[in-house]
Amino acid sequence: MKKITQIAAVFAFATAMAAPAFAAPETFVVDGTHTFPRFSYSHFGYSTQVSRFNKTTGKVVLDKAAKTGAVDVEIDTKSVDTGYDTFNEHIQGEDFLNTAAFPKATFKSTKVVFEGDKPSAVEGNLTLKGVTKPVTLKVTSFQAMPHPMLKKDAIGANATTTVKRSDFNMGKYAPYVGDEVTIDIAIEAVKQ
């Protein structure tokens, strides 16, 4: 009887070791030195102006096996960078970002859509100037691999969406200054 118990224990152990490992959700912290949301808009039809935010924090949770995920990002709107201090102050004013009252913008996902093994879109809620609207970020590139310098797993992506600034109570000068604003985000995050 003892021999049968030992054989059963060895068999159970071997079966457990041979079973495929189930991936668990992984949490990645946004790398603020490589994550920059940018926004662009038509300036009187003369040109497309591009600006960015310099301070972004947040996290990404990814379960590659289950093909699910979550994105939670916070942008410091006072870190807006147009390349010109006077314009930075203008965009931070009450007619636009109103950073005195709303110093943060957020994006919180409601669903991550996969195409094959990679995210292809992130649906969620964008909050700007106290107004929350649903948006879908189209993922144009995605990479998951060990970071060659940090020696930790990392992910990176580029994603884009277009919103109307008037939907967020920032419609001053429209349509001369374009109401449609394209938001592009380059994001990198490192596993906790």
Protein backbone atom coordinates (compact mmCIF):
# COMPACT_ATOMS: atom_id res chain seq x y z
CA MET A 1 0.00 0.00 0.00
CA LYS A 2 2.88 2.35 0.85
CA LYS A 3 4.38 1.76 -2.63
CA ILE A 4 1.07 2.65 -4.33
CA THR A 5 0.83 5.86 -2.29
CA GLN A 6 4.38 6.80 -3.30
CA ILE A 7 3.68 6.09 -6.98
CA ALA A 8 0.46 8.15 -6.80
CA ALA A 9 2.34 11.05 -5.19
CA VAL A 10 5.07 10.93 -7.86
CA PHE A 11 2.43 10.77 -10.62
CA ALA A 12 0.51 13.74 -9.13
CA PHE A 13 3.73 15.78 -8.88
CA ALA A 14 4.76 14.93 -12.46
CA THR A 15 1.30 15.83 -13.75
CA ALA A 16 1.41 19.17 -11.94
CA MET A 17 4.85 19.95 -13.35
CA ALA A 18 3.77 19.03 -16.89
CA ALA A 19 0.64 21.21 -16.79
CA PRO A 20 0.99 24.52 -18.60
CA ALA A 21 1.71 27.49 -16.40
CA PHE A 22 -1.16 29.91 -16.25
CA ALA A 23 -0.10 33.49 -16.68
CA ALA A 24 -1.32 35.92 -14.10
CA PRO A 25 -2.04 39.59 -14.66
CA GLU A 26 1.16 41.64 -14.62
CA THR A 27 1.32 45.23 -13.40
CA PHE A 28 3.55 47.75 -15.14
CA VAL A 29 4.31 51.23 -13.78
CA VAL A 30 4.41 54.10 -16.29
CA ASP A 31 7.93 55.35 -17.00
CA GLY A 32 7.47 59.12 -16.89
CA THR A 33 10.76 59.69 -18.71
CA HIS A 34 9.45 57.87 -21.80
CA THR A 35 5.71 58.60 -21.67
CA PHE A 36 4.47 61.74 -23.38
CA PRO A 37 0.88 62.45 -24.38
CA ARG A 38 0.84 64.85 -27.33
CA PHE A 39 -2.02 66.79 -28.86
CA SER A 40 -2.31 68.45 -32.24
CA TYR A 41 -4.82 70.79 -33.85
CA SER A 42 -5.24 73.08 -36.83
CA HIS A 43 -4.12 76.65 -36.22
CA PHE A 44 -6.26 78.79 -38.55
CA GLY A 45 -5.53 76.28 -41.30
CA TYR A 46 -1.97 77.58 -41.52
CA SER A 47 -0.38 74.65 -39.74
CA THR A 48 -0.94 71.72 -37.42
CA GLN A 49 0.40 72.65 -34.02
CA VAL A 50 1.80 69.88 -31.80
CA SER A 51 2.24 70.18 -28.04
CA ARG A 52 2.77 67.69 -25.23
CA PHE A 53 2.51 67.08 -21.51
CA ASN A 54 5.78 66.44 -19.69
CA LYS A 55 4.50 64.66 -16.55
CA THR A 56 2.47 61.47 -16.71
CA THR A 57 1.99 58.74 -14.11
CA GLY A 58 -0.06 55.58 -13.94
CA LYS A 59 -0.10 51.84 -14.43
CA VAL A 60 -0.99 49.19 -16.96
CA VAL A 61 -2.23 45.73 -16.00
CA LEU A 62 -1.87 43.08 -18.67
CA ASP A 63 -2.89 39.44 -18.76
CA LYS A 64 -1.56 38.14 -22.07
CA ALA A 65 -3.01 34.64 -21.62
CA ALA A 66 -6.54 35.87 -20.88
CA LYS A 67 -6.17 38.73 -23.38
CA THR A 68 -7.37 41.32 -20.89
CA GLY A 69 -5.90 44.45 -19.42
CA ALA A 70 -6.46 47.79 -17.76
CA VAL A 71 -4.91 51.22 -18.19
CA ASP A 72 -5.02 53.99 -15.61
CA VAL A 73 -3.11 57.16 -16.52
CA GLU A 74 -2.94 60.59 -14.88
CA ILE A 75 -1.55 63.63 -16.70
CA ASP A 76 -0.32 66.75 -14.93
CA THR A 77 -2.00 69.43 -17.08
CA LYS A 78 0.31 72.10 -15.64
CA SER A 79 3.15 70.32 -17.44
CA VAL A 80 1.77 71.33 -20.86
CA ASP A 81 4.61 72.19 -23.21
CA THR A 82 3.89 74.12 -26.40
CA GLY A 83 7.51 75.18 -26.81
CA TYR A 84 6.67 78.75 -25.80
CA ASP A 85 6.03 79.91 -22.21
CA THR A 86 3.36 82.46 -23.17
CA PHE A 87 1.32 79.78 -24.99
CA ASN A 88 1.78 77.38 -22.05
CA GLU A 89 0.16 79.98 -19.77
CA HIS A 90 -2.57 80.67 -22.34
CA ILE A 91 -3.50 76.96 -22.65
CA GLN A 92 -3.48 76.61 -18.85
CA GLY A 93 -6.01 79.47 -18.56
CA GLU A 94 -9.75 79.22 -17.86
CA ASP A 95 -10.74 79.14 -21.56
CA PHE A 96 -8.79 75.94 -22.14
CA LEU A 97 -7.32 73.50 -19.57
CA ASN A 98 -8.05 75.69 -16.52
CA THR A 99 -5.22 74.04 -14.63
CA ALA A 100 -5.86 76.11 -11.48
CA ALA A 101 -9.16 74.26 -11.00
CA PHE A 102 -8.32 71.04 -12.90
CA PRO A 103 -4.61 70.24 -12.49
CA LYS A 104 -5.04 66.63 -13.65
CA ALA A 105 -6.45 64.85 -16.69
CA THR A 106 -7.13 61.12 -16.49
CA PHE A 107 -7.76 58.15 -18.72
CA LYS A 108 -9.25 55.00 -17.19
CA SER A 109 -9.85 52.03 -19.43
CA THR A 110 -13.07 50.03 -19.51
CA LYS A 111 -11.84 47.40 -21.98
CA VAL A 112 -8.65 46.38 -23.77
CA VAL A 113 -9.29 44.83 -27.19
CA PHE A 114 -6.77 42.29 -28.49
CA GLU A 115 -5.97 41.31 -32.05
CA GLY A 116 -4.00 38.09 -31.83
CA ASP A 117 -1.52 38.40 -28.97
CA LYS A 118 -1.36 42.21 -28.90
CA PRO A 119 -3.70 44.99 -27.78
CA SER A 120 -5.24 46.78 -30.76
CA ALA A 121 -7.50 49.26 -28.94
CA VAL A 122 -8.18 50.56 -25.47
CA GLU A 123 -11.69 51.77 -24.68
CA GLY A 124 -12.13 54.03 -21.70
CA ASN A 125 -13.08 57.36 -20.18
CA LEU A 126 -11.08 60.54 -20.69
CA THR A 127 -11.57 63.28 -18.11
CA LEU A 128 -10.46 66.80 -19.03
CA LYS A 129 -11.46 70.00 -17.27
CA GLY A 130 -13.91 68.04 -15.08
CA VAL A 131 -15.76 66.53 -18.08
CA THR A 132 -15.67 62.78 -18.71
CA LYS A 133 -16.26 61.33 -22.20
CA PRO A 134 -15.77 57.83 -23.62
CA VAL A 135 -12.91 57.49 -26.11
CA THR A 136 -11.20 54.65 -27.92
CA LEU A 137 -7.44 54.72 -28.27
CA LYS A 138 -6.26 52.88 -31.37
CA VAL A 139 -3.00 51.09 -30.60
CA THR A 140 -0.64 51.60 -33.53
CA SER A 141 2.35 49.75 -32.06
CA PHE A 142 2.95 47.49 -29.06
CA GLN A 143 6.03 45.79 -27.66
CA ALA A 144 6.48 43.51 -24.63
CA MET A 145 9.97 42.24 -23.79
CA PRO A 146 12.70 42.41 -21.17
CA HIS A 147 14.13 45.92 -20.99
CA PRO A 148 17.77 45.64 -22.14
CA MET A 149 19.04 48.26 -19.68
CA LEU A 150 16.74 47.83 -16.67
CA LYS A 151 16.80 44.00 -16.82
CA LYS A 152 13.06 43.92 -16.05
CA ASP A 153 10.04 43.10 -18.19
CA ALA A 154 8.65 46.19 -19.88
CA ILE A 155 5.96 47.19 -22.34
CA GLY A 156 5.60 50.08 -24.73
CA ALA A 157 2.93 51.34 -27.07
CA ASN A 158 1.77 54.17 -29.23
CA ALA A 159 -1.94 54.97 -29.37
CA THR A 160 -4.13 57.68 -30.86
CA THR A 161 -7.65 59.12 -30.71
CA THR A 162 -9.43 62.27 -31.84
CA VAL A 163 -11.75 64.35 -29.64
CA LYS A 164 -13.56 67.66 -29.93
CA ARG A 165 -12.25 70.17 -27.45
CA SER A 166 -15.68 71.83 -27.33
CA ASP A 167 -16.98 68.58 -25.76
CA PHE A 168 -14.70 69.35 -22.82
CA ASN A 169 -15.70 73.05 -22.45
CA MET A 170 -12.60 74.26 -24.30
CA GLY A 171 -14.14 75.45 -27.58
CA LYS A 172 -12.88 79.04 -27.62
CA TYR A 173 -11.83 80.29 -31.09
CA ALA A 174 -13.40 77.31 -32.88
CA PRO A 175 -13.65 76.78 -35.80
CA TYR A 176 -10.69 79.08 -36.60
CA VAL A 177 -8.53 77.13 -34.21
CA GLY A 178 -9.56 73.54 -34.91
CA ASP A 179 -12.17 71.96 -32.66
CA GLU A 180 -10.85 68.49 -33.47
CA VAL A 181 -7.80 67.58 -31.45
CA THR A 182 -5.75 64.48 -32.14
CA ILE A 183 -4.26 62.92 -29.02
CA ASP A 184 -1.24 60.65 -29.44
CA ILE A 185 0.41 58.93 -26.52
CA ALA A 186 3.77 57.24 -26.47
CA ILE A 187 3.88 55.11 -23.34
CA GLU A 188 6.48 52.86 -21.73
CA ALA A 189 5.96 50.99 -18.48
CA VAL A 190 8.13 48.70 -16.38
CA LYS A 191 6.96 45.64 -14.46
CA GLN A 192 6.64 46.17 -10.71
